[in-house]
């Protein structure tokens, strides 16, 4: 609309300024809320993912009825526990590549703790 265009045109757009003045003169400060009310480009619609998640409670991962031991043993990395522990003991540097969620970060640190590498307080 003409009103929206005139409001947009009134907003200073000096791209040569190297920084934004934190204490602008009266009339130079514009809040995001003002710009949102202009509604450039027609109606605003929430993205589908946001519509599905909005109003729902926050979830932290998957809820499981398994014990921690059963969950650890269910991770793909568990099958290689012995080999990994041997490799950790025999090598100063070890590069491990695996799928997301396979247990690289969480379980390998547990294995190192079980091997006694945390006696000095860190891995």
Foldseek 3Di string as FASTA:
>chain_A
DVVLVVVVVQADDPPVDPDDDPDDDPPNDDDVVVNVVSVPPDDDDDDPVCVVCPPDDDDDDDDDPDDPVVVVCPAQCNVCLVVLLVCVVVDPDDDDDDDPRRCPPPVSVVSCVVVPVCVVPHD
